[in-house]
């Protein structure tokens, strides 16, 4: 079952990527519109397209069509420059769409002595830009431990600048919902309030526990690379804490399993 879910997640990511970036766009520059700010101080409004090697740029305005070296461009924005931050190191890309989809694949490396050395995780979130650099969102995914879980999360993303390669911080919190039967058992358990003189609740020696899910928290730092299409690539490193709760059928015994893991994730942002 885990293999089928994993293949399904990879298939969804592939569909999202191919839908957002057609083959021609991936191989060749495309015509776009925007405000092109030049080093000589001019701001040209119109269509533009780069040469295949991105060394030249053709700009078509209402009055003229010019071909310039790409190095003459200070930045390109969707809105007219002048009210935002300046960028001395490269182009600034303004993100005008309010909503975007953020999909991530990753692993949670941990103690090599544990049964689950590197659990696989997949998340997709729908996010809304509250401010130019701050976004919030809701999401869900699938994670594989002893059981398979559906994480339901809220998250916040802060992008530190608008450069093509921009660092970002992300905070994710939520709850793990079990979506299959438990594989966890305990052996030779005696409740603390039970003794051999006055018997308490009966607990079997091979007691099956039911997975109840648990909370999760995942702060992370990463970097995103913006392409000339509407797709961003991301890589992030973070700390993952989550607690999985198990109970027996009679609710007389609880088992809490805490995970403290490193999170390594690759992602795609679809604007």
Foldseek 3Di string as FASTA:
>chain_A
DVVVQVVVLVVVVVVVVCVQAPPVVVQAWDKDWWWWAFPVGDIAGAIKTAHSVNQKMWGDGPVDIDIDGNVRTQETERDDDDPDDGDPPHYFYFDDDFKKKKKKWWWWADDPVDPCRIKIWIKMWIWGDPDRFKIKTWIWTWIDDQFIWIWTKIKMKGWPGRHQKTKIKMKIKTKTATDDWGPDWAADDDDPPADPPDGDDDDHRTFDWGKGTWMKIKIWMWIWGHDSTQKIKIKIKIWMWIWIWIATPVRPDIDIDIDTTIMIMIMMMGD
